[in-house]
């Protein structure tokens, strides 16, 4: 590891960092041009040389590195990583002891004290996601800490720092014994197939755990359900187990079809009694309107950015239009579960998208419930962008 470099923070950014903001932006660093190697440790000071914090240099789509300690005498070394990982594991003790849920996050980047990587747990297997070359240079600290603090079947990793933050395709096995995939994990008593060896996505997004449970326990009974951008059908599985009268899952990716069948089958649900459709969601909306199909419960969980042959979707620009499409095929008194993982806006802004969509559609509504990240996705108040998940359940009222 290269020696520590002193980096001066510009006057207008000093207060933000002193108040606990953890993400380094290049415009905040006066001598940013001196930085060469990712993984270099940085001592941050103001113009007068007063200490602010210690960070590492690592470029990812969010910024140029992360502050990991505000203690001048603390080194960014294996002791620091081990301390923070041990604390994170302790914070998840209740989840480790829950036989009904065997998949969750055990280290959530800056929320647990070191930005740039996450660790997820899948029924005895650990998966590390690296988001920059900088944090990857500290990989041995993270891996050795895991090895010394947990029992594991295997450790896997995914590098997400290719061009434009893309996943780097390679063998992801790190330690232990290679898994026989799929691994079957539980979430609130429901089984899902997980693949740690098939590219960037493993089969389930763990941050939606509380929303899926609410759909099963509160919203699905007796309802016709449309699950858009359905991926591997997790919302549909929970809907069916919540006694929905019928589910329709729509996703553009070919793989979604077999993966959704697999998850229905794991839970004893007759997948042939459900509709699983491989199609562009916007094209499906047009089809549903033409055929005068409507649903009691519509689930919208699009990626922040998606592109198909005919449509490009950006959550910050296009969510209002997506909602209008959903409103048009939702029954009176029906419910829309509107979700976004886009970190470019907060809940307040999201609600303005919702309000505009309903006003444009001339439909009255009421907000029923809000959800954000579950407890294992720990966040800090000084870094609002980290609390990215926004989910609102909305009931349509009679016009």
Protein backbone atom coordinates (compact mmCIF):
# COMPACT_ATOMS: atom_id res chain seq x y z
CA UNK A 1 0.00 0.00 0.00
CA UNK A 2 1.38 3.41 -0.93
CA UNK A 3 2.08 5.96 1.77
CA UNK A 4 -0.52 8.41 3.03
CA UNK A 5 -1.05 11.57 0.94
CA UNK A 6 -2.20 14.85 2.49
CA UNK A 7 -5.22 16.21 0.63
CA UNK A 8 -6.51 19.73 1.17
CA UNK A 9 -10.27 20.20 1.19
CA UNK A 10 -11.61 23.43 -0.30
CA UNK A 11 -13.19 25.90 2.09
CA UNK A 12 -16.74 25.52 0.81
CA UNK A 13 -16.72 21.74 1.40
CA UNK A 14 -14.99 21.65 4.82
CA UNK A 15 -18.15 22.01 6.94
CA UNK A 16 -19.94 19.23 5.13
CA UNK A 17 -17.09 16.80 5.81
CA UNK A 18 -16.70 17.96 9.41
CA UNK A 19 -20.41 17.19 9.95
CA UNK A 20 -19.90 13.57 8.89
CA UNK A 21 -20.49 13.46 5.13
CA UNK A 22 -18.43 10.43 3.99
CA UNK A 23 -18.17 10.54 0.19
CA UNK A 24 -15.16 12.27 -1.37
CA UNK A 25 -15.90 14.37 -4.44
CA UNK A 26 -13.02 15.41 -6.69
CA UNK A 27 -14.19 19.06 -6.75
CA UNK A 28 -13.75 19.15 -2.95
CA UNK A 29 -10.04 18.22 -3.14
CA UNK A 30 -7.73 21.12 -3.96
CA UNK A 31 -4.78 18.89 -4.91
CA UNK A 32 -6.79 16.08 -6.48
CA UNK A 33 -4.37 16.08 -9.44
CA UNK A 34 -1.70 14.56 -7.17
CA UNK A 35 -3.69 11.35 -6.73
CA UNK A 36 -2.59 8.47 -8.93
CA UNK A 37 -3.13 5.01 -7.49
CA UNK A 38 -6.52 3.86 -6.29
CA UNK A 39 -6.31 2.48 -2.77
CA UNK A 40 -3.96 5.28 -1.67
CA UNK A 41 -4.81 6.41 1.86
CA UNK A 42 -5.50 10.11 2.29
CA UNK A 43 -5.22 12.45 5.24
CA UNK A 44 -7.78 15.21 4.72
CA UNK A 45 -7.05 18.68 6.08
CA UNK A 46 -8.44 22.19 5.67
CA UNK A 47 -6.39 25.04 4.19
CA UNK A 48 -4.77 25.67 7.56
CA UNK A 49 -3.76 22.04 7.96
CA UNK A 50 -6.39 21.14 10.56
CA UNK A 51 -7.31 17.46 10.46
CA UNK A 52 -10.72 16.44 9.02
CA UNK A 53 -10.51 12.69 8.48
CA UNK A 54 -8.77 9.78 6.80
CA UNK A 55 -10.00 8.32 3.53
CA UNK A 56 -9.00 6.05 0.70
CA UNK A 57 -8.90 7.02 -2.97
CA UNK A 58 -11.23 4.93 -5.13
CA UNK A 59 -13.19 6.07 -8.18
CA UNK A 60 -16.75 4.89 -8.59
CA UNK A 61 -19.79 6.44 -10.23
CA UNK A 62 -20.69 8.20 -6.99
CA UNK A 63 -17.37 9.90 -6.21
CA UNK A 64 -13.63 9.53 -5.65
CA UNK A 65 -13.36 7.66 -2.36
CA UNK A 66 -14.68 7.44 1.18
CA UNK A 67 -13.78 8.85 4.59
CA UNK A 68 -13.49 5.86 6.93
CA UNK A 69 -12.20 7.37 10.18
CA UNK A 70 -12.20 10.75 11.87
CA UNK A 71 -9.59 9.68 14.41
CA UNK A 72 -6.18 11.04 13.44
CA UNK A 73 -4.31 8.29 15.29
CA UNK A 74 -6.28 5.47 13.60
CA UNK A 75 -4.75 3.79 10.54
CA UNK A 76 -6.75 2.41 7.63
CA UNK A 77 -5.57 -1.15 8.18
CA UNK A 78 -6.80 -4.66 9.02
CA UNK A 79 -7.57 -3.61 12.61
CA UNK A 80 -9.97 -0.90 11.44
CA UNK A 81 -11.70 -3.16 8.89
CA UNK A 82 -12.02 -5.97 11.44
CA UNK A 83 -13.48 -3.62 14.07
CA UNK A 84 -16.16 -2.31 11.70
CA UNK A 85 -17.05 -5.71 10.25
CA UNK A 86 -17.33 -7.23 13.76
CA UNK A 87 -19.65 -4.43 14.83
CA UNK A 88 -21.79 -4.90 11.71
CA UNK A 89 -22.08 -8.65 12.36
CA UNK A 90 -23.15 -7.96 15.94
CA UNK A 91 -25.82 -5.53 14.70
CA UNK A 92 -27.34 -8.38 12.61
CA UNK A 93 -27.38 -10.97 15.40
CA UNK A 94 -31.18 -11.10 15.45
CA UNK A 95 -31.28 -11.89 11.72
CA UNK A 96 -28.66 -14.65 12.05
CA UNK A 97 -30.91 -16.22 14.69
CA UNK A 98 -34.10 -16.07 12.57
CA UNK A 99 -34.74 -19.45 10.87
CA UNK A 100 -37.43 -17.86 8.68
CA UNK A 101 -34.99 -15.45 6.98
CA UNK A 102 -31.61 -16.75 5.79
CA UNK A 103 -30.66 -14.00 3.31
CA UNK A 104 -29.80 -10.44 4.34
CA UNK A 105 -27.12 -7.76 4.25
CA UNK A 106 -24.35 -7.98 6.84
CA UNK A 107 -22.28 -4.93 5.84
CA UNK A 108 -23.81 -1.93 4.09
CA UNK A 109 -20.89 0.23 3.00
CA UNK A 110 -20.81 3.71 4.49
CA UNK A 111 -23.77 2.87 6.76
CA UNK A 112 -21.47 0.46 8.58
CA UNK A 113 -18.48 2.78 8.45
CA UNK A 114 -16.59 2.00 5.21
CA UNK A 115 -18.09 3.00 1.87
CA UNK A 116 -17.38 1.22 -1.40
CA UNK A 117 -18.29 -2.38 -0.60
CA UNK A 118 -21.14 -4.47 0.76
CA UNK A 119 -21.40 -8.01 2.15
CA UNK A 120 -24.54 -10.13 1.83
CA UNK A 121 -25.36 -13.44 3.52
CA UNK A 122 -27.14 -16.31 1.78
CA UNK A 123 -27.72 -19.36 4.00
CA UNK A 124 -24.09 -19.86 4.99
CA UNK A 125 -22.56 -18.22 1.90
CA UNK A 126 -21.13 -14.68 1.89
CA UNK A 127 -21.01 -12.39 -1.13
CA UNK A 128 -18.79 -9.30 -1.24
CA UNK A 129 -19.60 -6.58 -3.79
CA UNK A 130 -16.67 -4.26 -4.61
CA UNK A 131 -17.48 -0.88 -6.19
CA UNK A 132 -14.01 0.50 -6.95
CA UNK A 133 -10.44 -0.61 -7.53
CA UNK A 134 -9.58 1.46 -4.48
CA UNK A 135 -11.63 -0.59 -2.02
CA UNK A 136 -10.66 -3.81 -3.84
CA UNK A 137 -7.03 -3.11 -2.91
CA UNK A 138 -8.10 -3.68 0.73
CA UNK A 139 -9.75 -7.03 -0.12
CA UNK A 140 -7.47 -9.11 2.08
CA UNK A 141 -8.51 -7.11 5.16
CA UNK A 142 -12.19 -7.79 4.42
CA UNK A 143 -11.77 -11.46 3.51
CA UNK A 144 -9.54 -12.24 6.49
CA UNK A 145 -11.96 -10.47 8.82
CA UNK A 146 -14.83 -12.58 7.51
CA UNK A 147 -12.77 -15.77 7.84
CA UNK A 148 -11.94 -15.02 11.47
CA UNK A 149 -15.40 -13.83 12.57
CA UNK A 150 -17.95 -16.13 10.90
CA UNK A 151 -18.50 -19.73 9.98
CA UNK A 152 -19.03 -19.97 6.23
CA UNK A 153 -19.62 -22.52 3.52
CA UNK A 154 -17.98 -20.25 0.95
CA UNK A 155 -17.12 -16.63 0.20
CA UNK A 156 -17.84 -15.18 -3.25
CA UNK A 157 -17.20 -11.74 -4.71
CA UNK A 158 -18.42 -9.51 -7.52
CA UNK A 159 -16.34 -6.70 -8.97
CA UNK A 160 -18.55 -3.80 -10.05
CA UNK A 161 -15.87 -1.37 -11.15
CA UNK A 162 -15.54 -2.03 -14.87
CA UNK A 163 -16.18 0.81 -17.32
CA UNK A 164 -19.13 2.96 -16.12
CA UNK A 165 -19.43 0.81 -13.00
CA UNK A 166 -20.18 -2.35 -14.97
CA UNK A 167 -19.82 -5.82 -13.53
CA UNK A 168 -16.56 -7.58 -14.44
CA UNK A 169 -17.18 -11.13 -15.69
CA UNK A 170 -14.83 -13.63 -14.04
CA UNK A 171 -14.70 -16.53 -11.57
CA UNK A 172 -16.22 -15.15 -8.37
CA UNK A 173 -15.22 -17.88 -5.93
CA UNK A 174 -12.91 -16.70 -3.11
CA UNK A 175 -12.76 -19.22 -0.25
CA UNK A 176 -14.42 -22.28 1.29
CA UNK A 177 -16.03 -24.92 -0.91
CA UNK A 178 -17.63 -24.00 -4.21
CA UNK A 179 -21.41 -23.95 -3.93
CA UNK A 180 -23.86 -26.24 -5.69
CA UNK A 181 -26.24 -23.75 -7.24
CA UNK A 182 -28.91 -22.74 -6.75
CA UNK A 183 -28.66 -22.15 -3.01
CA UNK A 184 -32.16 -22.14 -1.51
CA UNK A 185 -32.62 -19.23 0.92
CA UNK A 186 -35.61 -18.22 3.00
CA UNK A 187 -37.19 -14.80 3.35
CA UNK A 188 -39.98 -14.57 5.92
CA UNK A 189 -40.53 -18.30 5.42
CA UNK A 190 -40.62 -18.12 1.59
CA UNK A 191 -38.02 -20.02 -0.49
CA UNK A 192 -35.93 -18.47 -3.27
CA UNK A 193 -33.23 -19.81 -5.57
CA UNK A 194 -29.97 -17.86 -5.47
CA UNK A 195 -27.05 -18.14 -7.89
CA UNK A 196 -23.76 -16.55 -6.80
CA UNK A 197 -21.98 -17.70 -9.95
CA UNK A 198 -24.13 -16.32 -12.77
CA UNK A 199 -23.09 -12.71 -13.25
CA UNK A 200 -24.07 -9.44 -11.65
CA UNK A 201 -27.47 -10.35 -10.18
CA UNK A 202 -28.06 -13.32 -7.92
CA UNK A 203 -31.84 -13.80 -8.06
CA UNK A 204 -33.34 -11.66 -5.31
CA UNK A 205 -33.07 -8.02 -4.20
CA UNK A 206 -32.75 -8.20 -0.42
CA UNK A 207 -33.73 -4.58 0.24
CA UNK A 208 -37.43 -5.26 -0.58
CA UNK A 209 -37.95 -7.81 2.22
CA UNK A 210 -40.43 -5.73 4.24
CA UNK A 211 -42.42 -4.70 1.16
CA UNK A 212 -42.81 -8.31 0.00
CA UNK A 213 -44.02 -9.35 3.44
CA UNK A 214 -46.60 -6.53 3.45
CA UNK A 215 -47.87 -7.61 0.02
CA UNK A 216 -48.39 -11.17 1.28
CA UNK A 217 -49.86 -10.25 4.65
CA UNK A 218 -51.88 -7.10 3.84
CA UNK A 219 -52.51 -6.52 0.16
CA UNK A 220 -52.75 -9.69 -1.94
CA UNK A 221 -55.72 -11.69 -0.63
CA UNK A 222 -58.34 -12.23 -3.31
CA UNK A 223 -56.67 -9.72 -5.65
CA UNK A 224 -55.54 -9.84 -9.27
CA UNK A 225 -51.90 -8.75 -9.21
CA UNK A 226 -49.69 -7.27 -11.94
CA UNK A 227 -45.96 -7.40 -11.12
CA UNK A 228 -43.99 -5.25 -13.58
CA UNK A 229 -40.20 -5.41 -14.04
CA UNK A 230 -40.73 -8.70 -12.23
CA UNK A 231 -37.16 -10.12 -12.50
CA UNK A 232 -37.41 -13.56 -10.80
CA UNK A 233 -41.00 -13.10 -9.65
CA UNK A 234 -40.39 -12.50 -5.94
CA UNK A 235 -43.34 -10.10 -5.54
CA UNK A 236 -45.54 -12.52 -7.48
CA UNK A 237 -44.55 -15.45 -5.24
CA UNK A 238 -45.40 -13.45 -2.11
CA UNK A 239 -48.68 -12.36 -3.73
CA UNK A 240 -49.65 -15.95 -4.55
CA UNK A 241 -48.78 -17.08 -1.02
CA UNK A 242 -50.95 -14.22 0.25
CA UNK A 243 -53.88 -15.83 -1.60
CA UNK A 244 -54.02 -13.52 -4.62
CA UNK A 245 -56.63 -14.78 -7.05
CA UNK A 246 -54.14 -14.50 -9.95
CA UNK A 247 -50.71 -13.04 -10.67
CA UNK A 248 -49.22 -11.66 -13.89
CA UNK A 249 -45.44 -11.15 -14.02
CA UNK A 250 -43.93 -9.04 -16.82
CA UNK A 251 -40.22 -8.57 -17.53
CA UNK A 252 -38.24 -7.97 -20.72
CA UNK A 253 -35.38 -10.34 -19.83
CA UNK A 254 -35.69 -13.87 -21.23
CA UNK A 255 -34.13 -15.34 -18.09
CA UNK A 256 -37.02 -14.03 -15.99
CA UNK A 257 -39.36 -16.71 -17.33
CA UNK A 258 -37.46 -19.79 -16.10
CA UNK A 259 -36.37 -18.09 -12.87
CA UNK A 260 -39.97 -17.11 -12.01
CA UNK A 261 -41.18 -20.67 -12.70
CA UNK A 262 -38.38 -21.95 -10.44
CA UNK A 263 -39.41 -19.70 -7.53
CA UNK A 264 -43.12 -20.52 -7.87
CA UNK A 265 -42.27 -24.23 -7.92
CA UNK A 266 -40.00 -24.02 -4.86
CA UNK A 267 -43.01 -22.77 -2.89
CA UNK A 268 -45.52 -25.33 -4.15
CA UNK A 269 -47.38 -22.84 -6.37
CA UNK A 270 -48.79 -24.04 -9.69
CA UNK A 271 -46.97 -21.70 -12.07
CA UNK A 272 -49.20 -22.74 -14.96
CA UNK A 273 -52.10 -21.08 -13.14
CA UNK A 274 -50.17 -17.77 -13.24
CA UNK A 275 -49.20 -15.57 -16.22
CA UNK A 276 -45.45 -15.13 -16.78
CA UNK A 277 -44.82 -12.82 -19.72
CA UNK A 278 -41.52 -11.87 -21.37
CA UNK A 279 -42.23 -8.45 -22.84
CA UNK A 280 -41.44 -4.76 -22.59
CA UNK A 281 -43.50 -3.41 -19.67
CA UNK A 282 -44.61 -0.32 -21.63
CA UNK A 283 -45.71 -2.52 -24.52
CA UNK A 284 -47.65 -4.67 -22.07
CA UNK A 285 -49.45 -1.59 -20.69
CA UNK A 286 -50.64 -0.79 -24.22
CA UNK A 287 -51.78 -4.39 -24.69
CA UNK A 288 -53.67 -4.40 -21.36
CA UNK A 289 -55.47 -1.15 -22.21
CA UNK A 290 -56.42 -2.45 -25.65
CA UNK A 291 -57.80 -5.68 -24.15
CA UNK A 292 -59.43 -3.72 -21.29
CA UNK A 293 -57.54 -5.75 -18.71
CA UNK A 294 -57.31 -4.25 -15.25
CA UNK A 295 -55.81 -5.29 -11.92
CA UNK A 296 -56.58 -4.85 -8.23
CA UNK A 297 -52.89 -4.54 -7.28
CA UNK A 298 -50.10 -3.21 -9.53
CA UNK A 299 -46.47 -3.40 -8.42
CA UNK A 300 -44.02 -0.96 -10.03
CA UNK A 301 -40.37 -1.62 -9.21
CA UNK A 302 -38.38 -0.41 -12.22
CA UNK A 303 -34.60 -0.06 -12.36
CA UNK A 304 -33.35 3.53 -12.09
CA UNK A 305 -32.36 3.27 -15.75
CA UNK A 306 -33.61 0.83 -18.38
CA UNK A 307 -33.47 0.70 -22.15
CA UNK A 308 -35.42 -1.43 -24.62
CA UNK A 309 -35.75 -1.16 -28.39
CA UNK A 310 -38.54 1.41 -28.18
CA UNK A 311 -38.25 2.94 -24.72
CA UNK A 312 -35.61 4.47 -22.47
CA UNK A 313 -36.62 4.84 -18.83
CA UNK A 314 -34.96 7.18 -16.35
CA UNK A 315 -36.64 7.22 -12.95
CA UNK A 316 -35.96 10.91 -12.29
CA UNK A 317 -37.62 11.91 -15.60
CA UNK A 318 -40.07 9.16 -16.47
CA UNK A 319 -41.61 7.82 -13.25
CA UNK A 320 -44.68 10.07 -13.57
CA UNK A 321 -45.47 8.62 -17.00
CA UNK A 322 -44.91 5.08 -15.74
CA UNK A 323 -47.44 5.74 -12.96
CA UNK A 324 -49.98 7.13 -15.42
CA UNK A 325 -49.72 3.92 -17.44
CA UNK A 326 -50.32 1.91 -14.26
CA UNK A 327 -53.26 4.06 -13.12
CA UNK A 328 -55.00 3.42 -16.45
CA UNK A 329 -55.16 -0.34 -15.80
CA UNK A 330 -55.78 -0.32 -12.02
CA UNK A 331 -59.29 -0.99 -10.73
CA UNK A 332 -61.19 1.63 -8.73
CA UNK A 333 -60.22 1.19 -5.07
CA UNK A 334 -57.19 -0.78 -6.34
CA UNK A 335 -53.69 -0.29 -5.01
CA UNK A 336 -50.41 0.62 -6.72
CA UNK A 337 -47.15 -0.22 -4.94
CA UNK A 338 -44.75 2.39 -6.37
CA UNK A 339 -41.07 1.72 -5.71
CA UNK A 340 -37.78 3.26 -6.82
CA UNK A 341 -34.15 2.69 -5.90
CA UNK A 342 -33.00 5.90 -7.60
CA UNK A 343 -30.74 7.90 -5.26
CA UNK A 344 -31.06 11.13 -7.30
CA UNK A 345 -34.18 12.24 -5.41
CA UNK A 346 -35.76 11.72 -2.00
CA UNK A 347 -39.21 10.68 -0.78
CA UNK A 348 -40.56 14.24 -0.92
CA UNK A 349 -39.71 14.55 -4.63
CA UNK A 350 -41.03 11.04 -5.29
CA UNK A 351 -44.38 12.07 -3.86
CA UNK A 352 -44.52 15.01 -6.28
CA UNK A 353 -44.18 12.51 -9.16
CA UNK A 354 -47.06 10.52 -7.67
CA UNK A 355 -49.23 13.60 -7.22
CA UNK A 356 -48.62 14.83 -10.77
CA UNK A 357 -49.43 11.41 -12.26
CA UNK A 358 -52.78 11.20 -10.46
CA UNK A 359 -53.69 14.82 -11.25
CA UNK A 360 -52.83 14.30 -14.92
CA UNK A 361 -54.98 11.16 -14.92
CA UNK A 362 -57.80 12.98 -13.05
CA UNK A 363 -57.93 10.22 -10.45
CA UNK A 364 -58.19 10.81 -6.70
CA UNK A 365 -55.88 8.81 -4.42
CA UNK A 366 -54.65 8.36 -0.91
CA UNK A 367 -51.23 7.28 0.35
CA UNK A 368 -51.56 4.22 2.56
CA UNK A 369 -48.02 3.31 3.65
CA UNK A 370 -44.38 4.18 3.06
CA UNK A 371 -41.33 1.92 3.21
CA UNK A 372 -37.62 2.54 3.03
CA UNK A 373 -34.61 0.29 3.58
CA UNK A 374 -34.85 -2.56 6.12
CA UNK A 375 -32.72 -2.53 9.28
CA UNK A 376 -29.84 -4.56 7.80
CA UNK A 377 -29.34 -1.88 5.13
CA UNK A 378 -27.89 0.49 7.70
CA UNK A 379 -27.63 4.15 6.69
CA UNK A 380 -26.32 7.34 8.26
CA UNK A 381 -28.23 10.63 8.44
CA UNK A 382 -25.21 12.56 7.10
CA UNK A 383 -25.44 10.68 3.78
CA UNK A 384 -29.01 10.98 2.51
CA UNK A 385 -28.17 9.34 -0.84
CA UNK A 386 -27.44 6.10 0.99
CA UNK A 387 -31.09 5.81 2.04
CA UNK A 388 -32.10 5.26 -1.58
CA UNK A 389 -35.17 3.01 -1.44
CA UNK A 390 -38.57 4.71 -1.58
CA UNK A 391 -41.77 2.66 -1.67
CA UNK A 392 -45.31 4.02 -1.38
CA UNK A 393 -48.57 2.08 -1.44
CA UNK A 394 -51.29 4.19 -3.06
CA UNK A 395 -55.02 3.50 -3.18
CA UNK A 396 -57.10 4.77 -6.07
CA UNK A 397 -60.32 6.44 -4.99
CA UNK A 398 -63.49 6.85 -6.97
CA UNK A 399 -63.28 9.82 -9.29
